[in-house]
Amino acid sequence: AQLASVQGVHMVLVAGDVFDAQGVAERTIHRLFNCLRGYAGP
């Protein structure tokens, strides 16, 4: 997220396997999306 912000990219592409498994904890889901806050673009 910091790299995307510093580089001024137009968007970030995430090509799959964001999560390691379907059954990750709810806390893990929330934490992951909170980690994206450093880049406000798409």
Full PDB file with SEQRES, HELIX, SHEET, SSBOND, CRYST1, ORIGX, SCALE, CONECT and MASTER records, all heavy atoms in Angstrom:
SEQRES   1 A   42  ALA GLN LEU ALA SER VAL GLN GLY VAL HIS MET VAL LEU          
SEQRES   2 A   42  VAL ALA GLY ASP VAL PHE ASP ALA GLN GLY VAL ALA GLU          
SEQRES   3 A   42  ARG THR ILE HIS ARG LEU PHE ASN CYS LEU ARG GLY TYR          
SEQRES   4 A   42  ALA GLY PRO                                                  
HELIX    1 AA1 GLN A    2  GLN A    7  1                                   6    
HELIX    2 AA2 GLU A   26  ASN A   34  1                                   9    
HELIX    3 AA3 CYS A   35  GLY A   38  5                                   4    
CRYST1    1.000    1.000    1.000  90.00  90.00  90.00 P 1           1          
ORIGX1      1.000000  0.000000  0.000000        0.00000                         
ORIGX2      0.000000  1.000000  0.000000        0.00000                         
ORIGX3      0.000000  0.000000  1.000000        0.00000                         
SCALE1      1.000000  0.000000  0.000000        0.00000                         
SCALE2      0.000000  1.000000  0.000000        0.00000                         
SCALE3      0.000000  0.000000  1.000000        0.00000                         
ATOM      1  N   ALA A   1       0.831  -1.204   0.000  1.00  0.00           N  
ATOM      2  CA  ALA A   1       0.000   0.000   0.000  1.00  0.00           C  
ATOM      3  C   ALA A   1       0.865   1.253   0.000  1.00  0.00           C  
ATOM      4  O   ALA A   1       0.592   2.218  -0.735  1.00  0.00           O  
ATOM      5  CB  ALA A   1      -0.938  -0.010   1.211  1.00  0.00           C  
ATOM      6  N   GLN A   2       1.928   1.241   0.794  1.00  0.00           N  
ATOM      7  CA  GLN A   2       2.839   2.381   0.830  1.00  0.00           C  
ATOM      8  C   GLN A   2       3.547   2.552  -0.511  1.00  0.00           C  
ATOM      9  O   GLN A   2       3.692   3.671  -1.011  1.00  0.00           O  
ATOM     10  CB  GLN A   2       3.865   2.190   1.946  1.00  0.00           C  
ATOM     11  CG  GLN A   2       4.823   3.358   2.099  1.00  0.00           C  
ATOM     12  CD  GLN A   2       5.834   3.127   3.211  1.00  0.00           C  
ATOM     13  OE1 GLN A   2       6.154   2.004   3.555  1.00  0.00           O  
ATOM     14  NE2 GLN A   2       6.340   4.222   3.776  1.00  0.00           N  
ATOM     15  N   LEU A   3       3.975   1.427  -1.106  1.00  0.00           N  
ATOM     16  CA  LEU A   3       4.642   1.477  -2.404  1.00  0.00           C  
ATOM     17  C   LEU A   3       3.720   2.059  -3.467  1.00  0.00           C  
ATOM     18  O   LEU A   3       4.137   2.906  -4.284  1.00  0.00           O  
ATOM     19  CB  LEU A   3       5.086   0.072  -2.807  1.00  0.00           C  
ATOM     20  CG  LEU A   3       5.733  -0.093  -4.174  1.00  0.00           C  
ATOM     21  CD1 LEU A   3       7.045   0.680  -4.252  1.00  0.00           C  
ATOM     22  CD2 LEU A   3       5.962  -1.575  -4.476  1.00  0.00           C  
ATOM     23  N   ALA A   4       2.461   1.611  -3.472  1.00  0.00           N  
ATOM     24  CA  ALA A   4       1.500   2.121  -4.447  1.00  0.00           C  
ATOM     25  C   ALA A   4       1.301   3.620  -4.294  1.00  0.00           C  
ATOM     26  O   ALA A   4       1.205   4.358  -5.289  1.00  0.00           O  
ATOM     27  CB  ALA A   4       0.169   1.389  -4.286  1.00  0.00           C  
ATOM     28  N   SER A   5       1.262   4.088  -3.058  1.00  0.00           N  
ATOM     29  CA  SER A   5       1.075   5.509  -2.799  1.00  0.00           C  
ATOM     30  C   SER A   5       2.293   6.323  -3.230  1.00  0.00           C  
ATOM     31  O   SER A   5       2.173   7.347  -3.907  1.00  0.00           O  
ATOM     32  CB  SER A   5       0.782   5.723  -1.311  1.00  0.00           C  
ATOM     33  OG  SER A   5       0.551   7.083  -1.034  1.00  0.00           O  
ATOM     34  N   VAL A   6       3.474   5.846  -2.854  1.00  0.00           N  
ATOM     35  CA  VAL A   6       4.710   6.566  -3.192  1.00  0.00           C  
ATOM     36  C   VAL A   6       4.930   6.592  -4.701  1.00  0.00           C  
ATOM     37  O   VAL A   6       5.345   7.613  -5.274  1.00  0.00           O  
ATOM     38  CB  VAL A   6       5.911   5.916  -2.477  1.00  0.00           C  
ATOM     39  CG1 VAL A   6       7.229   6.476  -3.005  1.00  0.00           C  
ATOM     40  CG2 VAL A   6       5.813   6.134  -0.970  1.00  0.00           C  
ATOM     41  N   GLN A   7       4.644   5.474  -5.364  1.00  0.00           N  
ATOM     42  CA  GLN A   7       4.847   5.382  -6.810  1.00  0.00           C  
ATOM     43  C   GLN A   7       3.752   6.095  -7.611  1.00  0.00           C  
ATOM     44  O   GLN A   7       3.906   6.326  -8.804  1.00  0.00           O  
ATOM     45  CB  GLN A   7       4.898   3.915  -7.235  1.00  0.00           C  
ATOM     46  CG  GLN A   7       6.152   3.184  -6.816  1.00  0.00           C  
ATOM     47  CD  GLN A   7       7.332   3.558  -7.690  1.00  0.00           C  
ATOM     48  OE1 GLN A   7       7.187   3.958  -8.835  1.00  0.00           O  
ATOM     49  NE2 GLN A   7       8.534   3.432  -7.138  1.00  0.00           N  
ATOM     50  N   GLY A   8       2.661   6.442  -6.957  1.00  0.00           N  
ATOM     51  CA  GLY A   8       1.574   7.125  -7.641  1.00  0.00           C  
ATOM     52  C   GLY A   8       0.918   6.285  -8.722  1.00  0.00           C  
ATOM     53  O   GLY A   8       0.567   6.797  -9.795  1.00  0.00           O  
ATOM     54  N   VAL A   9       0.721   4.993  -8.437  1.00  0.00           N  
ATOM     55  CA  VAL A   9       0.105   4.124  -9.443  1.00  0.00           C  
ATOM     56  C   VAL A   9      -1.379   4.439  -9.576  1.00  0.00           C  
ATOM     57  O   VAL A   9      -2.005   4.980  -8.662  1.00  0.00           O  
ATOM     58  CB  VAL A   9       0.306   2.631  -9.086  1.00  0.00           C  
ATOM     59  CG1 VAL A   9       1.790   2.303  -8.944  1.00  0.00           C  
ATOM     60  CG2 VAL A   9      -0.449   2.252  -7.822  1.00  0.00           C  
ATOM     61  N   HIS A  10      -1.922   4.086 -10.725  1.00  0.00           N  
ATOM     62  CA  HIS A  10      -3.347   4.343 -10.953  1.00  0.00           C  
ATOM     63  C   HIS A  10      -4.228   3.290 -10.293  1.00  0.00           C  
ATOM     64  O   HIS A  10      -5.385   3.575  -9.953  1.00  0.00           O  
ATOM     65  CB  HIS A  10      -3.629   4.394 -12.455  1.00  0.00           C  
ATOM     66  CG  HIS A  10      -2.992   5.564 -13.130  1.00  0.00           C  
ATOM     67  ND1 HIS A  10      -1.838   5.468 -13.879  1.00  0.00           N  
ATOM     68  CD2 HIS A  10      -3.336   6.879 -13.141  1.00  0.00           C  
ATOM     69  CE1 HIS A  10      -1.504   6.659 -14.334  1.00  0.00           C  
ATOM     70  NE2 HIS A  10      -2.396   7.538 -13.912  1.00  0.00           N  
ATOM     71  N   MET A  11      -3.693   2.057 -10.134  1.00  0.00           N  
ATOM     72  CA  MET A  11      -4.449   1.015  -9.449  1.00  0.00           C  
ATOM     73  C   MET A  11      -3.513  -0.122  -9.080  1.00  0.00           C  
ATOM     74  O   MET A  11      -2.412  -0.240  -9.631  1.00  0.00           O  
ATOM     75  CB  MET A  11      -5.614   0.495 -10.299  1.00  0.00           C  
ATOM     76  CG  MET A  11      -5.221  -0.221 -11.557  1.00  0.00           C  
ATOM     77  SD  MET A  11      -6.688  -0.707 -12.540  1.00  0.00           S  
ATOM     78  CE  MET A  11      -7.371   0.904 -12.940  1.00  0.00           C  
ATOM     79  N   VAL A  12      -3.974  -0.952  -8.135  1.00  0.00           N  
ATOM     80  CA  VAL A  12      -3.242  -2.146  -7.720  1.00  0.00           C  
ATOM     81  C   VAL A  12      -4.020  -3.365  -8.189  1.00  0.00           C  
ATOM     82  O   VAL A  12      -5.227  -3.480  -7.939  1.00  0.00           O  
ATOM     83  CB  VAL A  12      -3.063  -2.196  -6.189  1.00  0.00           C  
ATOM     84  CG1 VAL A  12      -2.296  -3.455  -5.796  1.00  0.00           C  
ATOM     85  CG2 VAL A  12      -2.336  -0.948  -5.693  1.00  0.00           C  
ATOM     86  N   LEU A  13      -3.335  -4.278  -8.871  1.00  0.00           N  
ATOM     87  CA  LEU A  13      -3.937  -5.526  -9.332  1.00  0.00           C  
ATOM     88  C   LEU A  13      -3.462  -6.662  -8.431  1.00  0.00           C  
ATOM     89  O   LEU A  13      -2.249  -6.853  -8.260  1.00  0.00           O  
ATOM     90  CB  LEU A  13      -3.520  -5.818 -10.774  1.00  0.00           C  
ATOM     91  CG  LEU A  13      -3.803  -4.721 -11.807  1.00  0.00           C  
ATOM     92  CD1 LEU A  13      -3.213  -5.116 -13.154  1.00  0.00           C  
ATOM     93  CD2 LEU A  13      -5.304  -4.465 -11.927  1.00  0.00           C  
ATOM     94  N   VAL A  14      -4.390  -7.425  -7.882  1.00  0.00           N  
ATOM     95  CA  VAL A  14      -4.060  -8.547  -6.997  1.00  0.00           C  
ATOM     96  C   VAL A  14      -4.573  -9.820  -7.660  1.00  0.00           C  
ATOM     97  O   VAL A  14      -5.780 -10.083  -7.691  1.00  0.00           O  
ATOM     98  CB  VAL A  14      -4.675  -8.371  -5.599  1.00  0.00           C  
ATOM     99  CG1 VAL A  14      -4.115  -9.434  -4.650  1.00  0.00           C  
ATOM    100  CG2 VAL A  14      -4.403  -6.976  -5.053  1.00  0.00           C  
ATOM    101  N   ALA A  15      -3.637 -10.644  -8.166  1.00  0.00           N  
ATOM    102  CA  ALA A  15      -3.993 -11.755  -9.045  1.00  0.00           C  
ATOM    103  C   ALA A  15      -4.234 -13.064  -8.289  1.00  0.00           C  
ATOM    104  O   ALA A  15      -3.658 -14.105  -8.601  1.00  0.00           O  
ATOM    105  CB  ALA A  15      -2.913 -11.941 -10.103  1.00  0.00           C  
ATOM    106  N   GLY A  16      -5.092 -13.019  -7.280  1.00  0.00           N  
ATOM    107  CA  GLY A  16      -5.554 -14.243  -6.633  1.00  0.00           C  
ATOM    108  C   GLY A  16      -4.773 -14.696  -5.428  1.00  0.00           C  
ATOM    109  O   GLY A  16      -3.659 -14.251  -5.171  1.00  0.00           O  
ATOM    110  N   ASP A  17      -5.403 -15.610  -4.671  1.00  0.00           N  
ATOM    111  CA  ASP A  17      -4.861 -16.134  -3.416  1.00  0.00           C  
ATOM    112  C   ASP A  17      -4.527 -15.010  -2.444  1.00  0.00           C  
ATOM    113  O   ASP A  17      -3.450 -14.974  -1.850  1.00  0.00           O  
ATOM    114  CB  ASP A  17      -3.645 -17.027  -3.656  1.00  0.00           C  
ATOM    115  CG  ASP A  17      -4.036 -18.422  -4.127  1.00  0.00           C  
ATOM    116  OD1 ASP A  17      -5.244 -18.693  -4.239  1.00  0.00           O  
ATOM    117  OD2 ASP A  17      -3.126 -19.235  -4.379  1.00  0.00           O  
ATOM    118  N   VAL A  18      -5.476 -14.110  -2.281  1.00  0.00           N  
ATOM    119  CA  VAL A  18      -5.344 -13.086  -1.234  1.00  0.00           C  
ATOM    120  C   VAL A  18      -5.298 -13.772   0.125  1.00  0.00           C  
ATOM    121  O   VAL A  18      -4.471 -13.445   0.973  1.00  0.00           O  
ATOM    122  CB  VAL A  18      -6.523 -12.096  -1.313  1.00  0.00           C  
ATOM    123  CG1 VAL A  18      -6.497 -11.136  -0.125  1.00  0.00           C  
ATOM    124  CG2 VAL A  18      -6.484 -11.335  -2.629  1.00  0.00           C  
ATOM    125  N   PHE A  19      -6.181 -14.760   0.322  1.00  0.00           N  
ATOM    126  CA  PHE A  19      -6.230 -15.530   1.564  1.00  0.00           C  
ATOM    127  C   PHE A  19      -5.694 -16.939   1.321  1.00  0.00           C  
ATOM    128  O   PHE A  19      -5.794 -17.476   0.217  1.00  0.00           O  
ATOM    129  CB  PHE A  19      -7.662 -15.599   2.098  1.00  0.00           C  
ATOM    130  CG  PHE A  19      -8.237 -14.263   2.481  1.00  0.00           C  
ATOM    131  CD1 PHE A  19      -9.044 -13.559   1.598  1.00  0.00           C  
ATOM    132  CD2 PHE A  19      -7.961 -13.711   3.723  1.00  0.00           C  
ATOM    133  CE1 PHE A  19      -9.569 -12.319   1.947  1.00  0.00           C  
ATOM    134  CE2 PHE A  19      -8.476 -12.468   4.083  1.00  0.00           C  
ATOM    135  CZ  PHE A  19      -9.283 -11.773   3.190  1.00  0.00           C  
ATOM    136  N   ASP A  20      -5.158 -17.534   2.368  1.00  0.00           N  
ATOM    137  CA  ASP A  20      -4.590 -18.869   2.250  1.00  0.00           C  
ATOM    138  C   ASP A  20      -5.662 -19.957   2.310  1.00  0.00           C  
ATOM    139  O   ASP A  20      -5.446 -21.057   1.822  1.00  0.00           O  
ATOM    140  CB  ASP A  20      -3.562 -19.104   3.362  1.00  0.00           C  
ATOM    141  CG  ASP A  20      -2.794 -20.393   3.178  1.00  0.00           C  
ATOM    142  OD1 ASP A  20      -2.142 -20.533   2.123  1.00  0.00           O  
ATOM    143  OD2 ASP A  20      -2.862 -21.266   4.063  1.00  0.00           O  
ATOM    144  N   ALA A  21      -6.809 -19.644   2.902  1.00  0.00           N  
ATOM    145  CA  ALA A  21      -7.868 -20.642   3.057  1.00  0.00           C  
ATOM    146  C   ALA A  21      -9.205 -19.935   3.234  1.00  0.00           C  
ATOM    147  O   ALA A  21      -9.260 -18.762   3.631  1.00  0.00           O  
ATOM    148  CB  ALA A  21      -7.590 -21.552   4.263  1.00  0.00           C  
ATOM    149  N   GLN A  22     -10.266 -20.664   2.960  1.00  0.00           N  
ATOM    150  CA  GLN A  22     -11.609 -20.099   3.097  1.00  0.00           C  
ATOM    151  C   GLN A  22     -11.976 -19.841   4.553  1.00  0.00           C  
ATOM    152  O   GLN A  22     -12.740 -18.927   4.855  1.00  0.00           O  
ATOM    153  CB  GLN A  22     -12.641 -21.057   2.477  1.00  0.00           C  
ATOM    154  CG  GLN A  22     -12.431 -21.374   1.016  1.00  0.00           C  
ATOM    155  CD  GLN A  22     -12.864 -20.238   0.100  1.00  0.00           C  
ATOM    156  OE1 GLN A  22     -13.181 -19.139   0.540  1.00  0.00           O  
ATOM    157  NE2 GLN A  22     -12.869 -20.507  -1.197  1.00  0.00           N  
ATOM    158  N   GLY A  23     -11.412 -20.641   5.465  1.00  0.00           N  
ATOM    159  CA  GLY A  23     -11.862 -20.585   6.854  1.00  0.00           C  
ATOM    160  C   GLY A  23     -11.047 -19.695   7.766  1.00  0.00           C  
ATOM    161  O   GLY A  23     -11.035 -19.918   8.980  1.00  0.00           O  
ATOM    162  N   VAL A  24     -10.356 -18.695   7.227  1.00  0.00           N  
ATOM    163  CA  VAL A  24      -9.578 -17.807   8.103  1.00  0.00           C  
ATOM    164  C   VAL A  24     -10.512 -17.084   9.072  1.00  0.00           C  
ATOM    165  O   VAL A  24     -11.710 -16.910   8.812  1.00  0.00           O  
ATOM    166  CB  VAL A  24      -8.769 -16.782   7.273  1.00  0.00           C  
ATOM    167  CG1 VAL A  24      -7.735 -17.476   6.407  1.00  0.00           C  
ATOM    168  CG2 VAL A  24      -9.694 -15.910   6.423  1.00  0.00           C  
ATOM    169  N   ALA A  25      -9.965 -16.653  10.188  1.00  0.00           N  
ATOM    170  CA  ALA A  25     -10.765 -16.012  11.228  1.00  0.00           C  
ATOM    171  C   ALA A  25     -11.303 -14.659  10.770  1.00  0.00           C  
ATOM    172  O   ALA A  25     -10.711 -14.000   9.911  1.00  0.00           O  
ATOM    173  CB  ALA A  25      -9.920 -15.825  12.492  1.00  0.00           C  
ATOM    174  N   GLU A  26     -12.410 -14.247  11.356  1.00  0.00           N  
ATOM    175  CA  GLU A  26     -12.967 -12.932  11.032  1.00  0.00           C  
ATOM    176  C   GLU A  26     -11.966 -11.830  11.310  1.00  0.00           C  
ATOM    177  O   GLU A  26     -11.862 -10.853  10.548  1.00  0.00           O  
ATOM    178  CB  GLU A  26     -14.255 -12.696  11.830  1.00  0.00           C  
ATOM    179  CG  GLU A  26     -15.417 -13.555  11.393  1.00  0.00           C  
ATOM    180  CD  GLU A  26     -16.705 -13.203  12.124  1.00  0.00           C  
ATOM    181  OE1 GLU A  26     -16.688 -12.234  12.926  1.00  0.00           O  
ATOM    182  OE2 GLU A  26     -17.723 -13.884  11.893  1.00  0.00           O  
ATOM    183  N   ARG A  27     -11.233 -11.966  12.394  1.00  0.00           N  
ATOM    184  CA  ARG A  27     -10.216 -10.966  12.728  1.00  0.00           C  
ATOM    185  C   ARG A  27      -9.197 -10.849  11.602  1.00  0.00           C  
ATOM    186  O   ARG A  27      -8.745  -9.737  11.257  1.00  0.00           O  
ATOM    187  CB  ARG A  27      -9.509 -11.348  14.035  1.00  0.00           C  
ATOM    188  CG  ARG A  27      -8.368 -10.429  14.432  1.00  0.00           C  
ATOM    189  CD  ARG A  27      -7.823 -10.831  15.798  1.00  0.00           C  
ATOM    190  NE  ARG A  27      -6.729  -9.965  16.207  1.00  0.00           N  
ATOM    191  CZ  ARG A  27      -5.440 -10.200  15.940  1.00  0.00           C  
ATOM    192  NH1 ARG A  27      -5.099 -11.289  15.256  1.00  0.00           N  
ATOM    193  NH2 ARG A  27      -4.509  -9.372  16.359  1.00  0.00           N  
ATOM    194  N   THR A  28      -8.824 -11.981  10.995  1.00  0.00           N  
ATOM    195  CA  THR A  28      -7.860 -11.973   9.899  1.00  0.00           C  
ATOM    196  C   THR A  28      -8.418 -11.221   8.693  1.00  0.00           C  
ATOM    197  O   THR A  28      -7.701 -10.459   8.032  1.00  0.00           O  
ATOM    198  CB  THR A  28      -7.506 -13.422   9.510  1.00  0.00           C  
ATOM    199  OG1 THR A  28      -6.885 -14.064  10.624  1.00  0.00           O  
ATOM    200  CG2 THR A  28      -6.584 -13.462   8.308  1.00  0.00           C  
ATOM    201  N   ILE A  29      -9.694 -11.414   8.402  1.00  0.00           N  
ATOM    202  CA  ILE A  29     -10.322 -10.707   7.288  1.00  0.00           C  
ATOM    203  C   ILE A  29     -10.287  -9.201   7.518  1.00  0.00           C  
ATOM    204  O   ILE A  29      -9.889  -8.428   6.634  1.00  0.00           O  
ATOM    205  CB  ILE A  29     -11.773 -11.192   7.104  1.00  0.00           C  
ATOM    206  CG1 ILE A  29     -11.790 -12.672   6.683  1.00  0.00           C  
ATOM    207  CG2 ILE A  29     -12.504 -10.339   6.068  1.00  0.00           C  
ATOM    208  CD1 ILE A  29     -13.173 -13.295   6.655  1.00  0.00           C  
ATOM    209  N   HIS A  30     -10.700  -8.773   8.699  1.00  0.00           N  
ATOM    210  CA  HIS A  30     -10.692  -7.341   9.005  1.00  0.00           C  
ATOM    211  C   HIS A  30      -9.277  -6.779   8.943  1.00  0.00           C  
ATOM    212  O   HIS A  30      -9.044  -5.687   8.406  1.00  0.00           O  
ATOM    213  CB  HIS A  30     -11.295  -7.094  10.386  1.00  0.00           C  
ATOM    214  CG  HIS A  30     -12.789  -7.156  10.424  1.00  0.00           C  
ATOM    215  ND1 HIS A  30     -13.585  -6.251   9.757  1.00  0.00           N  
ATOM    216  CD2 HIS A  30     -13.639  -8.013  11.060  1.00  0.00           C  
ATOM    217  CE1 HIS A  30     -14.856  -6.538   9.974  1.00  0.00           C  
ATOM    218  NE2 HIS A  30     -14.925  -7.603  10.759  1.00  0.00           N  
ATOM    219  N   ARG A  31      -8.311  -7.501   9.511  1.00  0.00           N  
ATOM    220  CA  ARG A  31      -6.933  -7.014   9.520  1.00  0.00           C  
ATOM    221  C   ARG A  31      -6.403  -6.826   8.107  1.00  0.00           C  
ATOM    222  O   ARG A  31      -5.725  -5.846   7.810  1.00  0.00           O  
ATOM    223  CB  ARG A  31      -6.029  -7.986  10.276  1.00  0.00           C  
ATOM    224  CG  ARG A  31      -6.138  -7.923  11.794  1.00  0.00           C  
ATOM    225  CD  ARG A  31      -4.934  -8.581  12.436  1.00  0.00           C  
ATOM    226  NE  ARG A  31      -3.696  -7.883  12.124  1.00  0.00           N  
ATOM    227  CZ  ARG A  31      -2.480  -8.394  12.282  1.00  0.00           C  
ATOM    228  NH1 ARG A  31      -2.343  -9.637  12.713  1.00  0.00           N  
ATOM    229  NH2 ARG A  31      -1.412  -7.693  11.999  1.00  0.00           N  
ATOM    230  N   LEU A  32      -6.703  -7.789   7.238  1.00  0.00           N  
ATOM    231  CA  LEU A  32      -6.205  -7.693   5.866  1.00  0.00           C  
ATOM    232  C   LEU A  32      -6.687  -6.414   5.198  1.00  0.00           C  
ATOM    233  O   LEU A  32      -5.899  -5.652   4.632  1.00  0.00           O  
ATOM    234  CB  LEU A  32      -6.633  -8.924   5.071  1.00  0.00           C  
ATOM    235  CG  LEU A  32      -6.247  -9.032   3.587  1.00  0.00           C  
ATOM    236  CD1 LEU A  32      -7.195  -8.302   2.668  1.00  0.00           C  
ATOM    237  CD2 LEU A  32      -4.813  -8.537   3.357  1.00  0.00           C  
ATOM    238  N   PHE A  33      -7.982  -6.169   5.253  1.00  0.00           N  
ATOM    239  CA  PHE A  33      -8.497  -4.989   4.558  1.00  0.00           C  
ATOM    240  C   PHE A  33      -8.052  -3.690   5.225  1.00  0.00           C  
ATOM    241  O   PHE A  33      -7.902  -2.664   4.540  1.00  0.00           O  
ATOM    242  CB  PHE A  33     -10.013  -5.083   4.416  1.00  0.00           C  
ATOM    243  CG  PHE A  33     -10.440  -6.107   3.408  1.00  0.00           C  
ATOM    244  CD1 PHE A  33     -11.049  -7.288   3.819  1.00  0.00           C  
ATOM    245  CD2 PHE A  33     -10.198  -5.915   2.065  1.00  0.00           C  
ATOM    246  CE1 PHE A  33     -11.427  -8.252   2.889  1.00  0.00           C  
ATOM    247  CE2 PHE A  33     -10.576  -6.872   1.124  1.00  0.00           C  
ATOM    248  CZ  PHE A  33     -11.182  -8.040   1.537  1.00  0.00           C  
ATOM    249  N   ASN A  34      -7.801  -3.724   6.521  1.00  0.00           N  
ATOM    250  CA  ASN A  34      -7.236  -2.541   7.181  1.00  0.00           C  
ATOM    251  C   ASN A  34      -5.818  -2.253   6.695  1.00  0.00           C  
ATOM    252  O   ASN A  34      -5.371  -1.099   6.691  1.00  0.00           O  
ATOM    253  CB  ASN A  34      -7.237  -2.716   8.698  1.00  0.00           C  
ATOM    254  CG  ASN A  34      -8.600  -2.484   9.310  1.00  0.00           C  
ATOM    255  OD1 ASN A  34      -9.397  -1.701   8.797  1.00  0.00           O  
ATOM    256  ND2 ASN A  34      -8.886  -3.167  10.411  1.00  0.00           N  
ATOM    257  N   CYS A  35      -5.100  -3.294   6.267  1.00  0.00           N  
ATOM    258  CA  CYS A  35      -3.730  -3.108   5.765  1.00  0.00           C  
ATOM    259  C   CYS A  35      -3.692  -2.329   4.453  1.00  0.00           C  
ATOM    260  O   CYS A  35      -2.627  -1.853   4.047  1.00  0.00           O  
ATOM    261  CB  CYS A  35      -3.059  -4.464   5.560  1.00  0.00           C  
ATOM    262  SG  CYS A  35      -2.602  -5.323   7.084  1.00  0.00           S  
ATOM    263  N   LEU A  36      -4.830  -2.201   3.783  1.00  0.00           N  
ATOM    264  CA  LEU A  36      -4.874  -1.509   2.495  1.00  0.00           C  
ATOM    265  C   LEU A  36      -4.998   0.002   2.637  1.00  0.00           C  
ATOM    266  O   LEU A  36      -4.930   0.728   1.633  1.00  0.00           O  
ATOM    267  CB  LEU A  36      -6.064  -2.021   1.667  1.00  0.00           C  
ATOM    268  CG  LEU A  36      -6.219  -3.538   1.496  1.00  0.00           C  
ATOM    269  CD1 LEU A  36      -7.401  -3.830   0.589  1.00  0.00           C  
ATOM    270  CD2 LEU A  36      -4.955  -4.174   0.956  1.00  0.00           C  
ATOM    271  N   ARG A  37      -5.172   0.493   3.843  1.00  0.00           N  
ATOM    272  CA  ARG A  37      -5.497   1.903   4.037  1.00  0.00           C  
ATOM    273  C   ARG A  37      -4.423   2.859   3.548  1.00  0.00           C  
ATOM    274  O   ARG A  37      -4.701   4.033   3.274  1.00  0.00           O  
ATOM    275  CB  ARG A  37      -5.782   2.169   5.518  1.00  0.00           C  
ATOM    276  CG  ARG A  37      -7.085   1.552   6.016  1.00  0.00           C  
ATOM    277  CD  ARG A  37      -7.316   1.841   7.478  1.00  0.00           C  
ATOM    278  NE  ARG A  37      -6.250   1.273   8.310  1.00  0.00           N  
ATOM    279  CZ  ARG A  37      -6.178   1.428   9.630  1.00  0.00           C  
ATOM    280  NH1 ARG A  37      -7.094   2.150  10.267  1.00  0.00           N  
ATOM    281  NH2 ARG A  37      -5.195   0.863  10.304  1.00  0.00           N  
ATOM    282  N   GLY A  38      -3.193   2.387   3.411  1.00  0.00           N  
ATOM    283  CA  GLY A  38      -2.109   3.271   2.977  1.00  0.00           C  
ATOM    284  C   GLY A  38      -2.199   3.703   1.531  1.00  0.00           C  
ATOM    285  O   GLY A  38      -1.445   4.589   1.096  1.00  0.00           O  
ATOM    286  N   TYR A  39      -3.093   3.084   0.763  1.00  0.00           N  
ATOM    287  CA  TYR A  39      -3.284   3.493  -0.631  1.00  0.00           C  
ATOM    288  C   TYR A  39      -4.771   3.670  -0.880  1.00  0.00           C  
ATOM    289  O   TYR A  39      -5.553   2.721  -0.769  1.00  0.00           O  
ATOM    290  CB  TYR A  39      -2.711   2.441  -1.587  1.00  0.00           C  
ATOM    291  CG  TYR A  39      -3.005   2.726  -3.041  1.00  0.00           C  
ATOM    292  CD1 TYR A  39      -2.450   3.829  -3.682  1.00  0.00           C  
ATOM    293  CD2 TYR A  39      -3.857   1.898  -3.772  1.00  0.00           C  
ATOM    294  CE1 TYR A  39      -2.722   4.100  -5.013  1.00  0.00           C  
ATOM    295  CE2 TYR A  39      -4.138   2.158  -5.116  1.00  0.00           C  
ATOM    296  CZ  TYR A  39      -3.563   3.259  -5.730  1.00  0.00           C  
ATOM    297  OH  TYR A  39      -3.839   3.530  -7.047  1.00  0.00           O  
ATOM    298  N   ALA A  40      -5.173   4.888  -1.241  1.00  0.00           N  
ATOM    299  CA  ALA A  40      -6.596   5.219  -1.375  1.00  0.00           C  
ATOM    300  C   ALA A  40      -7.132   4.973  -2.773  1.00  0.00           C  
ATOM    301  O   ALA A  40      -8.341   5.094  -3.001  1.00  0.00           O  
ATOM    302  CB  ALA A  40      -6.824   6.682  -0.996  1.00  0.00           C  
ATOM    303  N   GLY A  41      -6.264   4.629  -3.720  1.00  0.00           N  
ATOM    304  CA  GLY A  41      -6.714   4.375  -5.078  1.00  0.00           C  
ATOM    305  C   GLY A  41      -7.370   3.012  -5.208  1.00  0.00           C  
ATOM    306  O   GLY A  41      -7.538   2.281  -4.220  1.00  0.00           O  
ATOM    307  N   PRO A  42      -7.726   2.628  -6.435  1.00  0.00           N  
ATOM    308  CA  PRO A  42      -8.438   1.364  -6.644  1.00  0.00           C  
ATOM    309  C   PRO A  42      -7.550   0.136  -6.424  1.00  0.00           C  
ATOM    310  O   PRO A  42      -6.398   0.090  -6.879  1.00  0.00           O  
ATOM    311  CB  PRO A  42      -8.882   1.435  -8.110  1.00  0.00           C  
ATOM    312  CG  PRO A  42      -8.713   2.858  -8.519  1.00  0.00           C  
ATOM    313  CD  PRO A  42      -7.611   3.412  -7.683  1.00  0.00           C  
TER     314      PRO A  42                                                      
MASTER        0    0    0    3    0    0    0    6  313    1    0    4          
END                                                                             
